[in-house]
Amino acid sequence: MNLEHLGGDHGLSKCEPLEKAAFADTLHKPSKMTWGEIQLARKHGNGSESIPRAAFGSRRLPPGVTDDVNLIAFRIWGKAPMVG
């Protein structure tokens, strides 16, 4: 797990304490699951979903996110996604 690019307008510093706790829980839950279990889980539960690059519009992605990198989202607070 690399949180190097976490920040800006959508970083943890912009989150409320309960949202920060949800972020930590979201990181912890899938760490105990296999990729197969994550893929089978509901996307708004403990699962994930693929995010197309077009969903980011004109926003720049970090330099390490090259065209061969698949983007996925985990839901951390309601429907709020954490994308990586």
PDB file of N, CA and C in Angstrom:
ATOM      1  N   MET A   1       0.852  -1.166   0.000  1.00  0.00           N
ATOM      2  CA  MET A   1       0.000   0.000   0.000  1.00  0.00           C
ATOM      3  C   MET A   1       0.897   1.228   0.000  1.00  0.00           C
ATOM      4  N   ASN A   2       0.602   2.149  -0.879  1.00  0.00           N
ATOM      5  CA  ASN A   2       1.375   3.376  -0.983  1.00  0.00           C
ATOM      6  C   ASN A   2       0.415   4.551  -0.927  1.00  0.00           C
ATOM      7  N   LEU A   3       0.564   5.403   0.055  1.00  0.00           N
ATOM      8  CA  LEU A   3      -0.302   6.565   0.210  1.00  0.00           C
ATOM      9  C   LEU A   3       0.406   7.849  -0.209  1.00  0.00           C
ATOM     10  N   GLU A   4       1.457   7.720  -1.008  1.00  0.00           N
ATOM     11  CA  GLU A   4       2.272   8.860  -1.417  1.00  0.00           C
ATOM     12  C   GLU A   4       1.455   9.965  -2.077  1.00  0.00           C
ATOM     13  N   HIS A   5       0.475   9.594  -2.897  1.00  0.00           N
ATOM     14  CA  HIS A   5      -0.266  10.593  -3.662  1.00  0.00           C
ATOM     15  C   HIS A   5      -1.573  11.015  -2.992  1.00  0.00           C
ATOM     16  N   LEU A   6      -1.765  10.605  -1.762  1.00  0.00           N
ATOM     17  CA  LEU A   6      -2.966  10.971  -1.027  1.00  0.00           C
ATOM     18  C   LEU A   6      -2.828  12.416  -0.566  1.00  0.00           C
ATOM     19  N   GLY A   7      -3.746  13.253  -0.945  1.00  0.00           N
ATOM     20  CA  GLY A   7      -3.665  14.643  -0.524  1.00  0.00           C
ATOM     21  C   GLY A   7      -4.469  15.542  -1.431  1.00  0.00           C
ATOM     22  N   GLY A   8      -4.087  16.801  -1.460  1.00  0.00           N
ATOM     23  CA  GLY A   8      -4.798  17.760  -2.290  1.00  0.00           C
ATOM     24  C   GLY A   8      -6.209  17.989  -1.793  1.00  0.00           C
ATOM     25  N   ASP A   9      -7.102  18.187  -2.717  1.00  0.00           N
ATOM     26  CA  ASP A   9      -8.494  18.480  -2.373  1.00  0.00           C
ATOM     27  C   ASP A   9      -9.237  17.280  -1.804  1.00  0.00           C
ATOM     28  N   HIS A  10      -8.670  16.098  -1.926  1.00  0.00           N
ATOM     29  CA  HIS A  10      -9.378  14.893  -1.506  1.00  0.00           C
ATOM     30  C   HIS A  10      -8.571  14.071  -0.508  1.00  0.00           C
ATOM     31  N   GLY A  11      -7.682  14.686   0.214  1.00  0.00           N
ATOM     32  CA  GLY A  11      -6.834  13.962   1.148  1.00  0.00           C
ATOM     33  C   GLY A  11      -7.464  13.795   2.509  1.00  0.00           C
ATOM     34  N   LEU A  12      -6.790  13.059   3.368  1.00  0.00           N
ATOM     35  CA  LEU A  12      -7.283  12.800   4.716  1.00  0.00           C
ATOM     36  C   LEU A  12      -7.440  14.076   5.533  1.00  0.00           C
ATOM     37  N   SER A  13      -6.641  15.095   5.232  1.00  0.00           N
ATOM     38  CA  SER A  13      -6.753  16.345   5.988  1.00  0.00           C
ATOM     39  C   SER A  13      -8.099  17.026   5.764  1.00  0.00           C
ATOM     40  N   LYS A  14      -8.801  16.665   4.697  1.00  0.00           N
ATOM     41  CA  LYS A  14     -10.119  17.231   4.401  1.00  0.00           C
ATOM     42  C   LYS A  14     -11.249  16.407   5.021  1.00  0.00           C
ATOM     43  N   CYS A  15     -10.914  15.294   5.666  1.00  0.00           N
ATOM     44  CA  CYS A  15     -11.922  14.382   6.205  1.00  0.00           C
ATOM     45  C   CYS A  15     -12.231  14.679   7.660  1.00  0.00           C
ATOM     46  N   GLU A  16     -13.459  14.353   8.047  1.00  0.00           N
ATOM     47  CA  GLU A  16     -13.886  14.418   9.440  1.00  0.00           C
ATOM     48  C   GLU A  16     -13.338  13.181  10.161  1.00  0.00           C
ATOM     49  N   PRO A  17     -13.255  13.211  11.495  1.00  0.00           N
ATOM     50  CA  PRO A  17     -12.723  12.050  12.228  1.00  0.00           C
ATOM     51  C   PRO A  17     -13.414  10.723  11.895  1.00  0.00           C
ATOM     52  N   LEU A  18     -14.736  10.715  11.756  1.00  0.00           N
ATOM     53  CA  LEU A  18     -15.429   9.463  11.428  1.00  0.00           C
ATOM     54  C   LEU A  18     -15.067   8.978  10.026  1.00  0.00           C
ATOM     55  N   GLU A  19     -14.831   9.904   9.108  1.00  0.00           N
ATOM     56  CA  GLU A  19     -14.422   9.523   7.756  1.00  0.00           C
ATOM     57  C   GLU A  19     -13.012   8.928   7.777  1.00  0.00           C
ATOM     58  N   LYS A  20     -12.135   9.486   8.599  1.00  0.00           N
ATOM     59  CA  LYS A  20     -10.778   8.942   8.738  1.00  0.00           C
ATOM     60  C   LYS A  20     -10.820   7.528   9.308  1.00  0.00           C
ATOM     61  N   ALA A  21     -11.683   7.301  10.282  1.00  0.00           N
ATOM     62  CA  ALA A  21     -11.825   5.961  10.857  1.00  0.00           C
ATOM     63  C   ALA A  21     -12.351   4.997   9.803  1.00  0.00           C
ATOM     64  N   ALA A  22     -13.306   5.450   8.984  1.00  0.00           N
ATOM     65  CA  ALA A  22     -13.845   4.610   7.918  1.00  0.00           C
ATOM     66  C   ALA A  22     -12.760   4.269   6.900  1.00  0.00           C
ATOM     67  N   PHE A  23     -11.880   5.215   6.606  1.00  0.00           N
ATOM     68  CA  PHE A  23     -10.756   4.977   5.696  1.00  0.00           C
ATOM     69  C   PHE A  23      -9.877   3.855   6.239  1.00  0.00           C
ATOM     70  N   ALA A  24      -9.542   3.920   7.530  1.00  0.00           N
ATOM     71  CA  ALA A  24      -8.705   2.882   8.148  1.00  0.00           C
ATOM     72  C   ALA A  24      -9.405   1.526   8.113  1.00  0.00           C
ATOM     73  N   ASP A  25     -10.698   1.509   8.412  1.00  0.00           N
ATOM     74  CA  ASP A  25     -11.460   0.256   8.361  1.00  0.00           C
ATOM     75  C   ASP A  25     -11.480  -0.314   6.952  1.00  0.00           C
ATOM     76  N   THR A  26     -11.633   0.577   5.965  1.00  0.00           N
ATOM     77  CA  THR A  26     -11.673   0.136   4.569  1.00  0.00           C
ATOM     78  C   THR A  26     -10.364  -0.493   4.146  1.00  0.00           C
ATOM     79  N   LEU A  27      -9.247   0.033   4.623  1.00  0.00           N
ATOM     80  CA  LEU A  27      -7.947  -0.564   4.314  1.00  0.00           C
ATOM     81  C   LEU A  27      -7.783  -1.907   5.013  1.00  0.00           C
ATOM     82  N   HIS A  28      -8.308  -1.999   6.222  1.00  0.00           N
ATOM     83  CA  HIS A  28      -8.119  -3.210   7.018  1.00  0.00           C
ATOM     84  C   HIS A  28      -8.958  -4.387   6.504  1.00  0.00           C
ATOM     85  N   LYS A  29     -10.227  -4.166   6.198  1.00  0.00           N
ATOM     86  CA  LYS A  29     -11.123  -5.263   5.801  1.00  0.00           C
ATOM     87  C   LYS A  29     -10.615  -6.048   4.604  1.00  0.00           C
ATOM     88  N   PRO A  30     -10.282  -5.410   3.484  1.00  0.00           N
ATOM     89  CA  PRO A  30      -9.827  -6.198   2.337  1.00  0.00           C
ATOM     90  C   PRO A  30      -8.466  -6.866   2.565  1.00  0.00           C
ATOM     91  N   SER A  31      -7.709  -6.367   3.516  1.00  0.00           N
ATOM     92  CA  SER A  31      -6.401  -6.982   3.774  1.00  0.00           C
ATOM     93  C   SER A  31      -6.554  -8.403   4.303  1.00  0.00           C
ATOM     94  N   LYS A  32      -7.736  -8.719   4.798  1.00  0.00           N
ATOM     95  CA  LYS A  32      -8.015 -10.055   5.324  1.00  0.00           C
ATOM     96  C   LYS A  32      -8.728 -10.938   4.298  1.00  0.00           C
ATOM     97  N   MET A  33      -8.926 -10.410   3.076  1.00  0.00           N
ATOM     98  CA  MET A  33      -9.664 -11.126   2.032  1.00  0.00           C
ATOM     99  C   MET A  33      -8.734 -11.451   0.862  1.00  0.00           C
ATOM    100  N   THR A  34      -9.085 -12.456   0.097  1.00  0.00           N
ATOM    101  CA  THR A  34      -8.355 -12.740  -1.138  1.00  0.00           C
ATOM    102  C   THR A  34      -8.901 -11.825  -2.225  1.00  0.00           C
ATOM    103  N   TRP A  35      -8.155 -11.669  -3.334  1.00  0.00           N
ATOM    104  CA  TRP A  35      -8.651 -10.863  -4.456  1.00  0.00           C
ATOM    105  C   TRP A  35      -9.949 -11.456  -4.993  1.00  0.00           C
ATOM    106  N   GLY A  36     -10.058 -12.776  -4.998  1.00  0.00           N
ATOM    107  CA  GLY A  36     -11.290 -13.417  -5.455  1.00  0.00           C
ATOM    108  C   GLY A  36     -12.482 -13.041  -4.589  1.00  0.00           C
ATOM    109  N   GLU A  37     -12.280 -13.023  -3.270  1.00  0.00           N
ATOM    110  CA  GLU A  37     -13.364 -12.635  -2.356  1.00  0.00           C
ATOM    111  C   GLU A  37     -13.745 -11.169  -2.552  1.00  0.00           C
ATOM    112  N   ILE A  38     -12.742 -10.327  -2.753  1.00  0.00           N
ATOM    113  CA  ILE A  38     -13.007  -8.905  -2.984  1.00  0.00           C
ATOM    114  C   ILE A  38     -13.809  -8.723  -4.269  1.00  0.00           C
ATOM    115  N   GLN A  39     -13.436  -9.430  -5.320  1.00  0.00           N
ATOM    116  CA  GLN A  39     -14.126  -9.295  -6.596  1.00  0.00           C
ATOM    117  C   GLN A  39     -15.562  -9.794  -6.528  1.00  0.00           C
ATOM    118  N   LEU A  40     -15.845 -10.775  -5.675  1.00  0.00           N
ATOM    119  CA  LEU A  40     -17.193 -11.304  -5.531  1.00  0.00           C
ATOM    120  C   LEU A  40     -18.064 -10.487  -4.567  1.00  0.00           C
ATOM    121  N   ALA A  41     -17.440  -9.672  -3.726  1.00  0.00           N
ATOM    122  CA  ALA A  41     -18.181  -8.895  -2.731  1.00  0.00           C
ATOM    123  C   ALA A  41     -18.936  -7.746  -3.400  1.00  0.00           C
ATOM    124  N   ARG A  42     -20.012  -7.310  -2.758  1.00  0.00           N
ATOM    125  CA  ARG A  42     -20.783  -6.177  -3.266  1.00  0.00           C
ATOM    126  C   ARG A  42     -19.897  -4.931  -3.320  1.00  0.00           C
ATOM    127  N   LYS A  43     -20.022  -4.155  -4.406  1.00  0.00           N
ATOM    128  CA  LYS A  43     -19.158  -2.977  -4.558  1.00  0.00           C
ATOM    129  C   LYS A  43     -19.401  -1.923  -3.485  1.00  0.00           C
ATOM    130  N   HIS A  44     -20.593  -1.869  -2.913  1.00  0.00           N
ATOM    131  CA  HIS A  44     -20.866  -0.902  -1.851  1.00  0.00           C
ATOM    132  C   HIS A  44     -20.730  -1.545  -0.473  1.00  0.00           C
ATOM    133  N   GLY A  45     -20.163  -2.730  -0.434  1.00  0.00           N
ATOM    134  CA  GLY A  45     -19.885  -3.411   0.826  1.00  0.00           C
ATOM    135  C   GLY A  45     -18.378  -3.487   1.002  1.00  0.00           C
ATOM    136  N   ASN A  46     -17.847  -4.712   1.015  1.00  0.00           N
ATOM    137  CA  ASN A  46     -16.402  -4.910   1.154  1.00  0.00           C
ATOM    138  C   ASN A  46     -15.716  -5.099  -0.193  1.00  0.00           C
ATOM    139  N   GLY A  47     -16.455  -4.956  -1.274  1.00  0.00           N
ATOM    140  CA  GLY A  47     -15.902  -5.195  -2.595  1.00  0.00           C
ATOM    141  C   GLY A  47     -15.308  -3.949  -3.223  1.00  0.00           C
ATOM    142  N   SER A  48     -15.129  -4.044  -4.512  1.00  0.00           N
ATOM    143  CA  SER A  48     -14.537  -2.949  -5.265  1.00  0.00           C
ATOM    144  C   SER A  48     -15.212  -2.883  -6.628  1.00  0.00           C
ATOM    145  N   GLU A  49     -14.870  -1.850  -7.376  1.00  0.00           N
ATOM    146  CA  GLU A  49     -15.356  -1.751  -8.748  1.00  0.00           C
ATOM    147  C   GLU A  49     -14.287  -1.070  -9.591  1.00  0.00           C
ATOM    148  N   SER A  50     -14.242  -1.415 -10.864  1.00  0.00           N
ATOM    149  CA  SER A  50     -13.320  -0.774 -11.795  1.00  0.00           C
ATOM    150  C   SER A  50     -13.821   0.627 -12.102  1.00  0.00           C
ATOM    151  N   ILE A  51     -12.896   1.549 -12.209  1.00  0.00           N
ATOM    152  CA  ILE A  51     -13.223   2.935 -12.535  1.00  0.00           C
ATOM    153  C   ILE A  51     -12.553   3.280 -13.862  1.00  0.00           C
ATOM    154  N   PRO A  52     -13.332   3.644 -14.886  1.00  0.00           N
ATOM    155  CA  PRO A  52     -12.715   4.018 -16.165  1.00  0.00           C
ATOM    156  C   PRO A  52     -12.000   5.364 -16.049  1.00  0.00           C
ATOM    157  N   ARG A  53     -10.920   5.513 -16.761  1.00  0.00           N
ATOM    158  CA  ARG A  53     -10.160   6.765 -16.734  1.00  0.00           C
ATOM    159  C   ARG A  53     -11.017   7.962 -17.118  1.00  0.00           C
ATOM    160  N   ALA A  54     -11.986   7.741 -17.996  1.00  0.00           N
ATOM    161  CA  ALA A  54     -12.854   8.831 -18.437  1.00  0.00           C
ATOM    162  C   ALA A  54     -13.629   9.447 -17.268  1.00  0.00           C
ATOM    163  N   ALA A  55     -13.825   8.689 -16.193  1.00  0.00           N
ATOM    164  CA  ALA A  55     -14.550   9.189 -15.030  1.00  0.00           C
ATOM    165  C   ALA A  55     -13.817  10.343 -14.349  1.00  0.00           C
ATOM    166  N   PHE A  56     -12.533  10.502 -14.623  1.00  0.00           N
ATOM    167  CA  PHE A  56     -11.746  11.556 -14.001  1.00  0.00           C
ATOM    168  C   PHE A  56     -11.741  12.842 -14.821  1.00  0.00           C
ATOM    169  N   GLY A  57     -12.364  12.796 -15.996  1.00  0.00           N
ATOM    170  CA  GLY A  57     -12.457  13.993 -16.833  1.00  0.00           C
ATOM    171  C   GLY A  57     -11.095  14.606 -17.097  1.00  0.00           C
ATOM    172  N   SER A  58     -10.990  15.897 -16.862  1.00  0.00           N
ATOM    173  CA  SER A  58      -9.739  16.605 -17.149  1.00  0.00           C
ATOM    174  C   SER A  58      -8.762  16.590 -15.971  1.00  0.00           C
ATOM    175  N   ARG A  59      -9.160  15.981 -14.852  1.00  0.00           N
ATOM    176  CA  ARG A  59      -8.259  15.930 -13.694  1.00  0.00           C
ATOM    177  C   ARG A  59      -7.048  15.059 -14.004  1.00  0.00           C
ATOM    178  N   ARG A  60      -5.888  15.547 -13.615  1.00  0.00           N
ATOM    179  CA  ARG A  60      -4.652  14.789 -13.825  1.00  0.00           C
ATOM    180  C   ARG A  60      -4.515  13.701 -12.779  1.00  0.00           C
ATOM    181  N   LEU A  61      -4.101  12.544 -13.237  1.00  0.00           N
ATOM    182  CA  LEU A  61      -3.792  11.445 -12.315  1.00  0.00           C
ATOM    183  C   LEU A  61      -2.327  11.547 -11.939  1.00  0.00           C
ATOM    184  N   PRO A  62      -1.921  10.995 -10.794  1.00  0.00           N
ATOM    185  CA  PRO A  62      -0.505  11.025 -10.413  1.00  0.00           C
ATOM    186  C   PRO A  62       0.366  10.378 -11.490  1.00  0.00           C
ATOM    187  N   PRO A  63       1.620  10.815 -11.616  1.00  0.00           N
ATOM    188  CA  PRO A  63       2.511  10.299 -12.664  1.00  0.00           C
ATOM    189  C   PRO A  63       2.684   8.782 -12.656  1.00  0.00           C
ATOM    190  N   GLY A  64       2.594   8.146 -11.509  1.00  0.00           N
ATOM    191  CA  GLY A  64       2.765   6.697 -11.425  1.00  0.00           C
ATOM    192  C   GLY A  64       1.596   5.912 -11.980  1.00  0.00           C
ATOM    193  N   VAL A  65       0.491   6.589 -12.264  1.00  0.00           N
ATOM    194  CA  VAL A  65      -0.696   5.919 -12.797  1.00  0.00           C
ATOM    195  C   VAL A  65      -0.602   5.981 -14.323  1.00  0.00           C
ATOM    196  N   THR A  66       0.115   5.024 -14.866  1.00  0.00           N
ATOM    197  CA  THR A  66       0.320   4.962 -16.309  1.00  0.00           C
ATOM    198  C   THR A  66      -0.869   4.277 -16.987  1.00  0.00           C
ATOM    199  N   ASP A  67      -0.902   4.305 -18.311  1.00  0.00           N
ATOM    200  CA  ASP A  67      -2.039   3.759 -19.062  1.00  0.00           C
ATOM    201  C   ASP A  67      -2.272   2.271 -18.817  1.00  0.00           C
ATOM    202  N   ASP A  68      -1.250   1.549 -18.375  1.00  0.00           N
ATOM    203  CA  ASP A  68      -1.414   0.114 -18.143  1.00  0.00           C
ATOM    204  C   ASP A  68      -1.925  -0.210 -16.736  1.00  0.00           C
ATOM    205  N   VAL A  69      -2.171   0.802 -15.912  1.00  0.00           N
ATOM    206  CA  VAL A  69      -2.639   0.615 -14.543  1.00  0.00           C
ATOM    207  C   VAL A  69      -4.164   0.646 -14.529  1.00  0.00           C
ATOM    208  N   ASN A  70      -4.772  -0.396 -13.954  1.00  0.00           N
ATOM    209  CA  ASN A  70      -6.225  -0.441 -13.794  1.00  0.00           C
ATOM    210  C   ASN A  70      -6.604   0.272 -12.505  1.00  0.00           C
ATOM    211  N   LEU A  71      -7.625   1.096 -12.564  1.00  0.00           N
ATOM    212  CA  LEU A  71      -8.078   1.840 -11.389  1.00  0.00           C
ATOM    213  C   LEU A  71      -9.282   1.131 -10.776  1.00  0.00           C
ATOM    214  N   ILE A  72      -9.263   0.989  -9.456  1.00  0.00           N
ATOM    215  CA  ILE A  72     -10.394   0.393  -8.758  1.00  0.00           C
ATOM    216  C   ILE A  72     -10.782   1.307  -7.600  1.00  0.00           C
ATOM    217  N   ALA A  73     -12.020   1.180  -7.166  1.00  0.00           N
ATOM    218  CA  ALA A  73     -12.511   1.982  -6.046  1.00  0.00           C
ATOM    219  C   ALA A  73     -13.070   1.069  -4.963  1.00  0.00           C
ATOM    220  N   PHE A  74     -12.777   1.429  -3.729  1.00  0.00           N
ATOM    221  CA  PHE A  74     -13.387   0.824  -2.553  1.00  0.00           C
ATOM    222  C   PHE A  74     -14.231   1.925  -1.924  1.00  0.00           C
ATOM    223  N   ARG A  75     -15.398   1.587  -1.431  1.00  0.00           N
ATOM    224  CA  ARG A  75     -16.264   2.581  -0.781  1.00  0.00           C
ATOM    225  C   ARG A  75     -15.848   2.704   0.676  1.00  0.00           C
ATOM    226  N   ILE A  76     -15.577   3.952   1.116  1.00  0.00           N
ATOM    227  CA  ILE A  76     -15.091   4.143   2.485  1.00  0.00           C
ATOM    228  C   ILE A  76     -16.101   4.803   3.410  1.00  0.00           C
ATOM    229  N   TRP A  77     -17.015   5.603   2.857  1.00  0.00           N
ATOM    230  CA  TRP A  77     -17.968   6.322   3.696  1.00  0.00           C
ATOM    231  C   TRP A  77     -19.227   6.511   2.875  1.00  0.00           C
ATOM    232  N   GLY A  78     -20.222   5.715   3.140  1.00  0.00           N
ATOM    233  CA  GLY A  78     -21.412   5.750   2.286  1.00  0.00           C
ATOM    234  C   GLY A  78     -21.016   5.314   0.887  1.00  0.00           C
ATOM    235  N   LYS A  79     -21.198   6.197  -0.055  1.00  0.00           N
ATOM    236  CA  LYS A  79     -20.807   5.891  -1.429  1.00  0.00           C
ATOM    237  C   LYS A  79     -19.505   6.594  -1.822  1.00  0.00           C
ATOM    238  N   ALA A  80     -18.843   7.256  -0.869  1.00  0.00           N
ATOM    239  CA  ALA A  80     -17.595   7.963  -1.156  1.00  0.00           C
ATOM    240  C   ALA A  80     -16.494   6.949  -1.477  1.00  0.00           C
ATOM    241  N   PRO A  81     -15.855   7.075  -2.660  1.00  0.00           N
ATOM    242  CA  PRO A  81     -14.845   6.094  -3.039  1.00  0.00           C
ATOM    243  C   PRO A  81     -13.424   6.482  -2.638  1.00  0.00           C
ATOM    244  N   MET A  82     -12.619   5.463  -2.462  1.00  0.00           N
ATOM    245  CA  MET A  82     -11.177   5.590  -2.356  1.00  0.00           C
ATOM    246  C   MET A  82     -10.652   4.896  -3.601  1.00  0.00           C
ATOM    247  N   VAL A  83      -9.993   5.617  -4.483  1.00  0.00           N
ATOM    248  CA  VAL A  83      -9.551   5.071  -5.764  1.00  0.00           C
ATOM    249  C   VAL A  83      -8.064   4.802  -5.723  1.00  0.00           C
ATOM    250  N   GLY A  84      -7.671   3.674  -6.289  1.00  0.00           N
ATOM    251  CA  GLY A  84      -6.251   3.340  -6.337  1.00  0.00           C
ATOM    252  C   GLY A  84      -5.956   2.402  -7.453  1.00  0.00           C
TER     253      GLY A  84
END
